[in-house]
Amino acid sequence: MERPELSIAVQRTPGEVVLKLAGEIDMLTVGRLSSIVNEMVADPPPRIILDMGGITFCDSQGLGTLVVLSRKASFAQSVLILTNVGDFLMRVLDITGLRSALMIQA
């Protein structure tokens, strides 16, 4: 079985950090995403943007991690925003009731 991959490209500006994500967010890749966001909240920008345009899969571990990271950002006086959320992921967020727990920008 092939190991799922998650690529993360980081772009910084004075007011925000954008993480362009591509691949799968699951139990094998959430650690890397968490590490990068945890580094960001150590000296938080006003906004941390997760560009989800390249995400092809997100399991329950990934969903839970997104909620935890959103709360960590909020606690650090930052805001975590999901952008370019695909139809499949938006449907999963609706079904699980997590859409209201995350800030999603069209």
PDB file of N, CA and C in Angstrom:
ATOM      1  N   MET A   1       0.841  -1.187   0.000  1.00  0.00           N
ATOM      2  CA  MET A   1       0.000   0.000   0.000  1.00  0.00           C
ATOM      3  C   MET A   1       0.882   1.244   0.000  1.00  0.00           C
ATOM      4  N   GLU A   2       0.545   2.187  -0.829  1.00  0.00           N
ATOM      5  CA  GLU A   2       1.311   3.417  -0.954  1.00  0.00           C
ATOM      6  C   GLU A   2       0.981   4.353   0.208  1.00  0.00           C
ATOM      7  N   ARG A   3       2.024   4.981   0.760  1.00  0.00           N
ATOM      8  CA  ARG A   3       1.831   5.901   1.874  1.00  0.00           C
ATOM      9  C   ARG A   3       1.262   7.224   1.356  1.00  0.00           C
ATOM     10  N   PRO A   4       0.168   7.705   1.974  1.00  0.00           N
ATOM     11  CA  PRO A   4      -0.395   8.985   1.540  1.00  0.00           C
ATOM     12  C   PRO A   4       0.585  10.124   1.822  1.00  0.00           C
ATOM     13  N   GLU A   5       0.534  11.114   0.984  1.00  0.00           N
ATOM     14  CA  GLU A   5       1.417  12.257   1.107  1.00  0.00           C
ATOM     15  C   GLU A   5       0.604  13.518   1.358  1.00  0.00           C
ATOM     16  N   LEU A   6       1.238  14.452   2.041  1.00  0.00           N
ATOM     17  CA  LEU A   6       0.669  15.780   2.239  1.00  0.00           C
ATOM     18  C   LEU A   6       1.794  16.763   2.001  1.00  0.00           C
ATOM     19  N   SER A   7       1.646  17.592   0.978  1.00  0.00           N
ATOM     20  CA  SER A   7       2.646  18.630   0.767  1.00  0.00           C
ATOM     21  C   SER A   7       2.113  19.931   1.338  1.00  0.00           C
ATOM     22  N   ILE A   8       3.028  20.695   1.934  1.00  0.00           N
ATOM     23  CA  ILE A   8       2.664  21.944   2.594  1.00  0.00           C
ATOM     24  C   ILE A   8       3.649  23.016   2.139  1.00  0.00           C
ATOM     25  N   ALA A   9       3.138  24.003   1.412  1.00  0.00           N
ATOM     26  CA  ALA A   9       3.962  25.142   0.984  1.00  0.00           C
ATOM     27  C   ALA A   9       3.576  26.334   1.854  1.00  0.00           C
ATOM     28  N   VAL A  10       4.568  26.977   2.453  1.00  0.00           N
ATOM     29  CA  VAL A  10       4.321  28.082   3.387  1.00  0.00           C
ATOM     30  C   VAL A  10       4.650  29.408   2.714  1.00  0.00           C
ATOM     31  N   GLN A  11       3.696  30.334   2.768  1.00  0.00           N
ATOM     32  CA  GLN A  11       3.891  31.688   2.253  1.00  0.00           C
ATOM     33  C   GLN A  11       3.586  32.653   3.391  1.00  0.00           C
ATOM     34  N   ARG A  12       4.545  33.540   3.703  1.00  0.00           N
ATOM     35  CA  ARG A  12       4.362  34.489   4.805  1.00  0.00           C
ATOM     36  C   ARG A  12       4.245  35.915   4.281  1.00  0.00           C
ATOM     37  N   THR A  13       3.337  36.655   4.883  1.00  0.00           N
ATOM     38  CA  THR A  13       3.238  38.093   4.690  1.00  0.00           C
ATOM     39  C   THR A  13       3.130  38.690   6.088  1.00  0.00           C
ATOM     40  N   PRO A  14       3.236  40.014   6.232  1.00  0.00           N
ATOM     41  CA  PRO A  14       3.163  40.585   7.579  1.00  0.00           C
ATOM     42  C   PRO A  14       1.870  40.247   8.343  1.00  0.00           C
ATOM     43  N   GLY A  15       0.756  40.132   7.640  1.00  0.00           N
ATOM     44  CA  GLY A  15      -0.508  39.916   8.332  1.00  0.00           C
ATOM     45  C   GLY A  15      -1.001  38.486   8.398  1.00  0.00           C
ATOM     46  N   GLU A  16      -0.325  37.576   7.676  1.00  0.00           N
ATOM     47  CA  GLU A  16      -0.831  36.210   7.660  1.00  0.00           C
ATOM     48  C   GLU A  16       0.220  35.224   7.179  1.00  0.00           C
ATOM     49  N   VAL A  17      -0.066  33.968   7.467  1.00  0.00           N
ATOM     50  CA  VAL A  17       0.715  32.863   6.922  1.00  0.00           C
ATOM     51  C   VAL A  17      -0.271  31.995   6.150  1.00  0.00           C
ATOM     52  N   VAL A  18       0.073  31.678   4.908  1.00  0.00           N
ATOM     53  CA  VAL A  18      -0.772  30.816   4.082  1.00  0.00           C
ATOM     54  C   VAL A  18      -0.061  29.484   3.920  1.00  0.00           C
ATOM     55  N   LEU A  19      -0.765  28.410   4.273  1.00  0.00           N
ATOM     56  CA  LEU A  19      -0.261  27.058   4.064  1.00  0.00           C
ATOM     57  C   LEU A  19      -1.062  26.446   2.922  1.00  0.00           C
ATOM     58  N   LYS A  20      -0.408  26.260   1.775  1.00  0.00           N
ATOM     59  CA  LYS A  20      -1.059  25.614   0.627  1.00  0.00           C
ATOM     60  C   LYS A  20      -0.890  24.115   0.798  1.00  0.00           C
ATOM     61  N   LEU A  21      -2.002  23.431   0.991  1.00  0.00           N
ATOM     62  CA  LEU A  21      -1.994  21.997   1.255  1.00  0.00           C
ATOM     63  C   LEU A  21      -2.385  21.222   0.006  1.00  0.00           C
ATOM     64  N   ALA A  22      -1.717  20.098  -0.203  1.00  0.00           N
ATOM     65  CA  ALA A  22      -2.074  19.214  -1.314  1.00  0.00           C
ATOM     66  C   ALA A  22      -1.861  17.772  -0.875  1.00  0.00           C
ATOM     67  N   GLY A  23      -2.831  16.937  -1.171  1.00  0.00           N
ATOM     68  CA  GLY A  23      -2.741  15.521  -0.816  1.00  0.00           C
ATOM     69  C   GLY A  23      -3.799  15.135   0.196  1.00  0.00           C
ATOM     70  N   GLU A  24      -3.402  14.280   1.130  1.00  0.00           N
ATOM     71  CA  GLU A  24      -4.342  13.708   2.092  1.00  0.00           C
ATOM     72  C   GLU A  24      -4.033  14.162   3.510  1.00  0.00           C
ATOM     73  N   ILE A  25      -5.103  14.462   4.243  1.00  0.00           N
ATOM     74  CA  ILE A  25      -4.966  14.751   5.675  1.00  0.00           C
ATOM     75  C   ILE A  25      -5.566  13.549   6.391  1.00  0.00           C
ATOM     76  N   ASP A  26      -4.702  12.736   6.983  1.00  0.00           N
ATOM     77  CA  ASP A  26      -5.167  11.537   7.676  1.00  0.00           C
ATOM     78  C   ASP A  26      -4.229  11.219   8.833  1.00  0.00           C
ATOM     79  N   MET A  27      -4.431  10.069   9.449  1.00  0.00           N
ATOM     80  CA  MET A  27      -3.657   9.736  10.639  1.00  0.00           C
ATOM     81  C   MET A  27      -2.157   9.674  10.379  1.00  0.00           C
ATOM     82  N   LEU A  28      -1.748   9.460   9.136  1.00  0.00           N
ATOM     83  CA  LEU A  28      -0.325   9.395   8.820  1.00  0.00           C
ATOM     84  C   LEU A  28       0.287  10.762   8.505  1.00  0.00           C
ATOM     85  N   THR A  29      -0.556  11.772   8.240  1.00  0.00           N
ATOM     86  CA  THR A  29      -0.024  13.076   7.836  1.00  0.00           C
ATOM     87  C   THR A  29      -0.366  14.222   8.785  1.00  0.00           C
ATOM     88  N   VAL A  30      -1.279  14.001   9.725  1.00  0.00           N
ATOM     89  CA  VAL A  30      -1.695  15.103  10.606  1.00  0.00           C
ATOM     90  C   VAL A  30      -0.559  15.604  11.501  1.00  0.00           C
ATOM     91  N   GLY A  31       0.375  14.740  11.840  1.00  0.00           N
ATOM     92  CA  GLY A  31       1.480  15.152  12.697  1.00  0.00           C
ATOM     93  C   GLY A  31       2.294  16.271  12.073  1.00  0.00           C
ATOM     94  N   ARG A  32       2.552  16.141  10.785  1.00  0.00           N
ATOM     95  CA  ARG A  32       3.318  17.171  10.083  1.00  0.00           C
ATOM     96  C   ARG A  32       2.553  18.489  10.025  1.00  0.00           C
ATOM     97  N   LEU A  33       1.270  18.433   9.704  1.00  0.00           N
ATOM     98  CA  LEU A  33       0.445  19.641   9.664  1.00  0.00           C
ATOM     99  C   LEU A  33       0.396  20.289  11.039  1.00  0.00           C
ATOM    100  N   SER A  34       0.187  19.481  12.067  1.00  0.00           N
ATOM    101  CA  SER A  34       0.132  20.005  13.439  1.00  0.00           C
ATOM    102  C   SER A  34       1.435  20.685  13.823  1.00  0.00           C
ATOM    103  N   SER A  35       2.557  20.067  13.491  1.00  0.00           N
ATOM    104  CA  SER A  35       3.861  20.640  13.828  1.00  0.00           C
ATOM    105  C   SER A  35       4.036  22.022  13.226  1.00  0.00           C
ATOM    106  N   ILE A  36       3.679  22.155  11.957  1.00  0.00           N
ATOM    107  CA  ILE A  36       3.852  23.443  11.282  1.00  0.00           C
ATOM    108  C   ILE A  36       2.932  24.505  11.882  1.00  0.00           C
ATOM    109  N   VAL A  37       1.664  24.166  12.119  1.00  0.00           N
ATOM    110  CA  VAL A  37       0.743  25.150  12.703  1.00  0.00           C
ATOM    111  C   VAL A  37       1.164  25.476  14.134  1.00  0.00           C
ATOM    112  N   ASN A  38       1.623  24.490  14.894  1.00  0.00           N
ATOM    113  CA  ASN A  38       2.097  24.758  16.256  1.00  0.00           C
ATOM    114  C   ASN A  38       3.274  25.725  16.251  1.00  0.00           C
ATOM    115  N   GLU A  39       4.169  25.618  15.262  1.00  0.00           N
ATOM    116  CA  GLU A  39       5.264  26.582  15.131  1.00  0.00           C
ATOM    117  C   GLU A  39       4.717  27.976  14.880  1.00  0.00           C
ATOM    118  N   MET A  40       3.669  28.077  14.071  1.00  0.00           N
ATOM    119  CA  MET A  40       3.072  29.374  13.747  1.00  0.00           C
ATOM    120  C   MET A  40       2.470  30.039  14.984  1.00  0.00           C
ATOM    121  N   VAL A  41       1.801  29.260  15.823  1.00  0.00           N
ATOM    122  CA  VAL A  41       1.132  29.859  16.974  1.00  0.00           C
ATOM    123  C   VAL A  41       2.094  30.200  18.105  1.00  0.00           C
ATOM    124  N   ALA A  42       3.356  29.784  17.991  1.00  0.00           N
ATOM    125  CA  ALA A  42       4.354  30.187  18.980  1.00  0.00           C
ATOM    126  C   ALA A  42       4.592  31.694  18.900  1.00  0.00           C
ATOM    127  N   ASP A  43       4.564  32.244  17.696  1.00  0.00           N
ATOM    128  CA  ASP A  43       4.655  33.688  17.466  1.00  0.00           C
ATOM    129  C   ASP A  43       3.604  33.998  16.400  1.00  0.00           C
ATOM    130  N   PRO A  44       2.340  34.029  16.807  1.00  0.00           N
ATOM    131  CA  PRO A  44       1.244  33.952  15.841  1.00  0.00           C
ATOM    132  C   PRO A  44       1.056  35.206  14.991  1.00  0.00           C
ATOM    133  N   PRO A  45       0.808  34.983  13.698  1.00  0.00           N
ATOM    134  CA  PRO A  45       0.347  36.076  12.845  1.00  0.00           C
ATOM    135  C   PRO A  45      -1.137  36.300  13.139  1.00  0.00           C
ATOM    136  N   PRO A  46      -1.703  37.417  12.709  1.00  0.00           N
ATOM    137  CA  PRO A  46      -3.142  37.627  12.922  1.00  0.00           C
ATOM    138  C   PRO A  46      -4.005  36.528  12.293  1.00  0.00           C
ATOM    139  N   ARG A  47      -3.542  36.012  11.136  1.00  0.00           N
ATOM    140  CA  ARG A  47      -4.329  34.993  10.428  1.00  0.00           C
ATOM    141  C   ARG A  47      -3.429  33.866   9.947  1.00  0.00           C
ATOM    142  N   ILE A  48      -3.918  32.646  10.113  1.00  0.00           N
ATOM    143  CA  ILE A  48      -3.279  31.462   9.537  1.00  0.00           C
ATOM    144  C   ILE A  48      -4.291  30.881   8.558  1.00  0.00           C
ATOM    145  N   ILE A  49      -3.919  30.861   7.295  1.00  0.00           N
ATOM    146  CA  ILE A  49      -4.827  30.397   6.248  1.00  0.00           C
ATOM    147  C   ILE A  49      -4.399  29.006   5.796  1.00  0.00           C
ATOM    148  N   LEU A  50      -5.322  28.071   5.825  1.00  0.00           N
ATOM    149  CA  LEU A  50      -5.082  26.743   5.253  1.00  0.00           C
ATOM    150  C   LEU A  50      -5.798  26.694   3.910  1.00  0.00           C
ATOM    151  N   ASP A  51      -5.027  26.739   2.826  1.00  0.00           N
ATOM    152  CA  ASP A  51      -5.592  26.650   1.485  1.00  0.00           C
ATOM    153  C   ASP A  51      -5.789  25.166   1.172  1.00  0.00           C
ATOM    154  N   MET A  52      -7.042  24.738   1.195  1.00  0.00           N
ATOM    155  CA  MET A  52      -7.395  23.322   1.073  1.00  0.00           C
ATOM    156  C   MET A  52      -7.637  22.890  -0.377  1.00  0.00           C
ATOM    157  N   GLY A  53      -7.306  23.758  -1.338  1.00  0.00           N
ATOM    158  CA  GLY A  53      -7.598  23.484  -2.743  1.00  0.00           C
ATOM    159  C   GLY A  53      -7.026  22.182  -3.272  1.00  0.00           C
ATOM    160  N   GLY A  54      -5.904  21.737  -2.731  1.00  0.00           N
ATOM    161  CA  GLY A  54      -5.284  20.518  -3.223  1.00  0.00           C
ATOM    162  C   GLY A  54      -5.557  19.281  -2.391  1.00  0.00           C
ATOM    163  N   ILE A  55      -6.447  19.393  -1.412  1.00  0.00           N
ATOM    164  CA  ILE A  55      -6.736  18.248  -0.540  1.00  0.00           C
ATOM    165  C   ILE A  55      -7.658  17.266  -1.266  1.00  0.00           C
ATOM    166  N   THR A  56      -7.224  16.004  -1.298  1.00  0.00           N
ATOM    167  CA  THR A  56      -7.997  14.970  -1.988  1.00  0.00           C
ATOM    168  C   THR A  56      -8.725  14.034  -1.033  1.00  0.00           C
ATOM    169  N   PHE A  57      -8.349  14.073   0.262  1.00  0.00           N
ATOM    170  CA  PHE A  57      -8.946  13.170   1.247  1.00  0.00           C
ATOM    171  C   PHE A  57      -8.709  13.743   2.638  1.00  0.00           C
ATOM    172  N   CYS A  58      -9.666  13.542   3.526  1.00  0.00           N
ATOM    173  CA  CYS A  58      -9.510  13.946   4.923  1.00  0.00           C
ATOM    174  C   CYS A  58     -10.305  12.969   5.778  1.00  0.00           C
ATOM    175  N   ASP A  59      -9.605  12.217   6.664  1.00  0.00           N
ATOM    176  CA  ASP A  59     -10.303  11.259   7.509  1.00  0.00           C
ATOM    177  C   ASP A  59     -10.705  11.909   8.838  1.00  0.00           C
ATOM    178  N   SER A  60     -11.262  11.112   9.742  1.00  0.00           N
ATOM    179  CA  SER A  60     -11.746  11.654  11.015  1.00  0.00           C
ATOM    180  C   SER A  60     -10.611  12.246  11.842  1.00  0.00           C
ATOM    181  N   GLN A  61      -9.436  11.645  11.767  1.00  0.00           N
ATOM    182  CA  GLN A  61      -8.273  12.185  12.483  1.00  0.00           C
ATOM    183  C   GLN A  61      -7.930  13.573  11.925  1.00  0.00           C
ATOM    184  N   GLY A  62      -8.005  13.721  10.617  1.00  0.00           N
ATOM    185  CA  GLY A  62      -7.744  15.007   9.981  1.00  0.00           C
ATOM    186  C   GLY A  62      -8.756  16.053  10.393  1.00  0.00           C
ATOM    187  N   LEU A  63     -10.029  15.666  10.431  1.00  0.00           N
ATOM    188  CA  LEU A  63     -11.078  16.600  10.848  1.00  0.00           C
ATOM    189  C   LEU A  63     -10.856  17.069  12.278  1.00  0.00           C
ATOM    190  N   GLY A  64     -10.575  16.117  13.157  1.00  0.00           N
ATOM    191  CA  GLY A  64     -10.328  16.468  14.554  1.00  0.00           C
ATOM    192  C   GLY A  64      -9.127  17.380  14.700  1.00  0.00           C
ATOM    193  N   THR A  65      -8.095  17.130  13.916  1.00  0.00           N
ATOM    194  CA  THR A  65      -6.891  17.959  13.963  1.00  0.00           C
ATOM    195  C   THR A  65      -7.197  19.384  13.519  1.00  0.00           C
ATOM    196  N   LEU A  66      -8.014  19.544  12.489  1.00  0.00           N
ATOM    197  CA  LEU A  66      -8.377  20.890  12.038  1.00  0.00           C
ATOM    198  C   LEU A  66      -9.083  21.665  13.150  1.00  0.00           C
ATOM    199  N   VAL A  67      -9.965  21.005  13.883  1.00  0.00           N
ATOM    200  CA  VAL A  67     -10.674  21.659  14.988  1.00  0.00           C
ATOM    201  C   VAL A  67      -9.696  22.029  16.108  1.00  0.00           C
ATOM    202  N   VAL A  68      -8.807  21.103  16.464  1.00  0.00           N
ATOM    203  CA  VAL A  68      -7.815  21.368  17.516  1.00  0.00           C
ATOM    204  C   VAL A  68      -6.908  22.531  17.123  1.00  0.00           C
ATOM    205  N   LEU A  69      -6.449  22.541  15.882  1.00  0.00           N
ATOM    206  CA  LEU A  69      -5.561  23.620  15.422  1.00  0.00           C
ATOM    207  C   LEU A  69      -6.285  24.962  15.404  1.00  0.00           C
ATOM    208  N   SER A  70      -7.558  24.951  15.057  1.00  0.00           N
ATOM    209  CA  SER A  70      -8.353  26.181  15.080  1.00  0.00           C
ATOM    210  C   SER A  70      -8.443  26.734  16.501  1.00  0.00           C
ATOM    211  N   ARG A  71      -8.659  25.850  17.456  1.00  0.00           N
ATOM    212  CA  ARG A  71      -8.746  26.278  18.861  1.00  0.00           C
ATOM    213  C   ARG A  71      -7.397  26.787  19.373  1.00  0.00           C
ATOM    214  N   LYS A  72      -6.309  26.109  18.990  1.00  0.00           N
ATOM    215  CA  LYS A  72      -4.973  26.559  19.395  1.00  0.00           C
ATOM    216  C   LYS A  72      -4.682  27.945  18.848  1.00  0.00           C
ATOM    217  N   ALA A  73      -5.034  28.168  17.586  1.00  0.00           N
ATOM    218  CA  ALA A  73      -4.818  29.480  16.970  1.00  0.00           C
ATOM    219  C   ALA A  73      -5.613  30.548  17.717  1.00  0.00           C
ATOM    220  N   SER A  74      -6.864  30.243  18.019  1.00  0.00           N
ATOM    221  CA  SER A  74      -7.717  31.185  18.741  1.00  0.00           C
ATOM    222  C   SER A  74      -7.135  31.507  20.118  1.00  0.00           C
ATOM    223  N   PHE A  75      -6.670  30.507  20.813  1.00  0.00           N
ATOM    224  CA  PHE A  75      -6.058  30.691  22.135  1.00  0.00           C
ATOM    225  C   PHE A  75      -4.817  31.581  22.041  1.00  0.00           C
ATOM    226  N   ALA A  76      -4.103  31.507  20.906  1.00  0.00           N
ATOM    227  CA  ALA A  76      -2.881  32.294  20.699  1.00  0.00           C
ATOM    228  C   ALA A  76      -3.190  33.677  20.108  1.00  0.00           C
ATOM    229  N   GLN A  77      -4.466  34.072  20.103  1.00  0.00           N
ATOM    230  CA  GLN A  77      -4.889  35.366  19.573  1.00  0.00           C
ATOM    231  C   GLN A  77      -4.714  35.465  18.054  1.00  0.00           C
ATOM    232  N   SER A  78      -4.873  34.355  17.370  1.00  0.00           N
ATOM    233  CA  SER A  78      -4.826  34.306  15.914  1.00  0.00           C
ATOM    234  C   SER A  78      -6.122  33.663  15.446  1.00  0.00           C
ATOM    235  N   VAL A  79      -6.330  33.638  14.152  1.00  0.00           N
ATOM    236  CA  VAL A  79      -7.507  32.955  13.619  1.00  0.00           C
ATOM    237  C   VAL A  79      -7.054  32.017  12.507  1.00  0.00           C
ATOM    238  N   LEU A  80      -7.577  30.797  12.541  1.00  0.00           N
ATOM    239  CA  LEU A  80      -7.278  29.801  11.510  1.00  0.00           C
ATOM    240  C   LEU A  80      -8.453  29.782  10.546  1.00  0.00           C
ATOM    241  N   ILE A  81      -8.151  29.992   9.259  1.00  0.00           N
ATOM    242  CA  ILE A  81      -9.193  30.074   8.238  1.00  0.00           C
ATOM    243  C   ILE A  81      -8.923  29.021   7.165  1.00  0.00           C
ATOM    244  N   LEU A  82      -9.958  28.275   6.803  1.00  0.00           N
ATOM    245  CA  LEU A  82      -9.863  27.328   5.689  1.00  0.00           C
ATOM    246  C   LEU A  82     -10.382  28.015   4.431  1.00  0.00           C
ATOM    247  N   THR A  83      -9.610  27.935   3.351  1.00  0.00           N
ATOM    248  CA  THR A  83     -10.061  28.478   2.073  1.00  0.00           C
ATOM    249  C   THR A  83     -10.019  27.377   1.024  1.00  0.00           C
ATOM    250  N   ASN A  84     -10.709  27.624  -0.077  1.00  0.00           N
ATOM    251  CA  ASN A  84     -10.748  26.676  -1.204  1.00  0.00           C
ATOM    252  C   ASN A  84     -11.126  25.268  -0.760  1.00  0.00           C
ATOM    253  N   VAL A  85     -12.119  25.195   0.105  1.00  0.00           N
ATOM    254  CA  VAL A  85     -12.582  23.896   0.599  1.00  0.00           C
ATOM    255  C   VAL A  85     -13.436  23.254  -0.499  1.00  0.00           C
ATOM    256  N   GLY A  86     -13.039  22.064  -0.927  1.00  0.00           N
ATOM    257  CA  GLY A  86     -13.745  21.360  -1.994  1.00  0.00           C
ATOM    258  C   GLY A  86     -15.112  20.851  -1.561  1.00  0.00           C
ATOM    259  N   ASP A  87     -15.913  20.494  -2.552  1.00  0.00           N
ATOM    260  CA  ASP A  87     -17.277  20.018  -2.295  1.00  0.00           C
ATOM    261  C   ASP A  87     -17.293  18.800  -1.384  1.00  0.00           C
ATOM    262  N   PHE A  88     -16.373  17.853  -1.628  1.00  0.00           N
ATOM    263  CA  PHE A  88     -16.387  16.624  -0.828  1.00  0.00           C
ATOM    264  C   PHE A  88     -16.103  16.935   0.643  1.00  0.00           C
ATOM    265  N   LEU A  89     -15.116  17.794   0.899  1.00  0.00           N
ATOM    266  CA  LEU A  89     -14.769  18.119   2.284  1.00  0.00           C
ATOM    267  C   LEU A  89     -15.868  18.963   2.934  1.00  0.00           C
ATOM    268  N   MET A  90     -16.454  19.866   2.184  1.00  0.00           N
ATOM    269  CA  MET A  90     -17.553  20.682   2.729  1.00  0.00           C
ATOM    270  C   MET A  90     -18.723  19.785   3.119  1.00  0.00           C
ATOM    271  N   ARG A  91     -18.988  18.781   2.307  1.00  0.00           N
ATOM    272  CA  ARG A  91     -20.078  17.836   2.610  1.00  0.00           C
ATOM    273  C   ARG A  91     -19.766  17.069   3.899  1.00  0.00           C
ATOM    274  N   VAL A  92     -18.513  16.619   4.047  1.00  0.00           N
ATOM    275  CA  VAL A  92     -18.104  15.902   5.259  1.00  0.00           C
ATOM    276  C   VAL A  92     -18.241  16.818   6.478  1.00  0.00           C
ATOM    277  N   LEU A  93     -17.840  18.074   6.343  1.00  0.00           N
ATOM    278  CA  LEU A  93     -17.957  19.019   7.457  1.00  0.00           C
ATOM    279  C   LEU A  93     -19.425  19.246   7.823  1.00  0.00           C
ATOM    280  N   ASP A  94     -20.298  19.298   6.822  1.00  0.00           N
ATOM    281  CA  ASP A  94     -21.734  19.455   7.075  1.00  0.00           C
ATOM    282  C   ASP A  94     -22.297  18.225   7.788  1.00  0.00           C
ATOM    283  N   ILE A  95     -21.965  17.043   7.288  1.00  0.00           N
ATOM    284  CA  ILE A  95     -22.497  15.793   7.846  1.00  0.00           C
ATOM    285  C   ILE A  95     -22.055  15.616   9.299  1.00  0.00           C
ATOM    286  N   THR A  96     -20.798  15.957   9.587  1.00  0.00           N
ATOM    287  CA  THR A  96     -20.265  15.764  10.939  1.00  0.00           C
ATOM    288  C   THR A  96     -20.618  16.909  11.885  1.00  0.00           C
ATOM    289  N   GLY A  97     -21.165  17.985  11.351  1.00  0.00           N
ATOM    290  CA  GLY A  97     -21.498  19.133  12.189  1.00  0.00           C
ATOM    291  C   GLY A  97     -20.290  19.997  12.524  1.00  0.00           C
ATOM    292  N   LEU A  98     -19.164  19.762  11.868  1.00  0.00           N
ATOM    293  CA  LEU A  98     -17.946  20.517  12.174  1.00  0.00           C
ATOM    294  C   LEU A  98     -17.831  21.819  11.391  1.00  0.00           C
ATOM    295  N   ARG A  99     -18.698  22.020  10.438  1.00  0.00           N
ATOM    296  CA  ARG A  99     -18.623  23.253   9.643  1.00  0.00           C
ATOM    297  C   ARG A  99     -18.715  24.488  10.535  1.00  0.00           C
ATOM    298  N   SER A 100     -19.548  24.422  11.544  1.00  0.00           N
ATOM    299  CA  SER A 100     -19.717  25.586  12.427  1.00  0.00           C
ATOM    300  C   SER A 100     -18.539  25.745  13.411  1.00  0.00           C
ATOM    301  N   ALA A 101     -17.725  24.703  13.568  1.00  0.00           N
ATOM    302  CA  ALA A 101     -16.578  24.776  14.478  1.00  0.00           C
ATOM    303  C   ALA A 101     -15.348  25.366  13.807  1.00  0.00           C
ATOM    304  N   LEU A 102     -15.397  25.542  12.490  1.00  0.00           N
ATOM    305  CA  LEU A 102     -14.250  26.040  11.728  1.00  0.00           C
ATOM    306  C   LEU A 102     -14.618  27.294  10.978  1.00  0.00           C
ATOM    307  N   MET A 103     -13.648  28.190  10.805  1.00  0.00           N
ATOM    308  CA  MET A 103     -13.889  29.380   9.986  1.00  0.00           C
ATOM    309  C   MET A 103     -13.529  29.014   8.552  1.00  0.00           C
ATOM    310  N   ILE A 104     -14.543  29.104   7.678  1.00  0.00           N
ATOM    311  CA  ILE A 104     -14.370  28.736   6.275  1.00  0.00           C
ATOM    312  C   ILE A 104     -14.669  29.956   5.420  1.00  0.00           C
ATOM    313  N   GLN A 105     -13.729  30.273   4.544  1.00  0.00           N
ATOM    314  CA  GLN A 105     -13.879  31.433   3.658  1.00  0.00           C
ATOM    315  C   GLN A 105     -14.055  30.931   2.241  1.00  0.00           C
ATOM    316  N   ALA A 106     -15.049  31.494   1.557  1.00  0.00           N
ATOM    317  CA  ALA A 106     -15.332  31.067   0.179  1.00  0.00           C
ATOM    318  C   ALA A 106     -14.212  31.486  -0.759  1.00  0.00           C
TER     319      ALA A 106
END
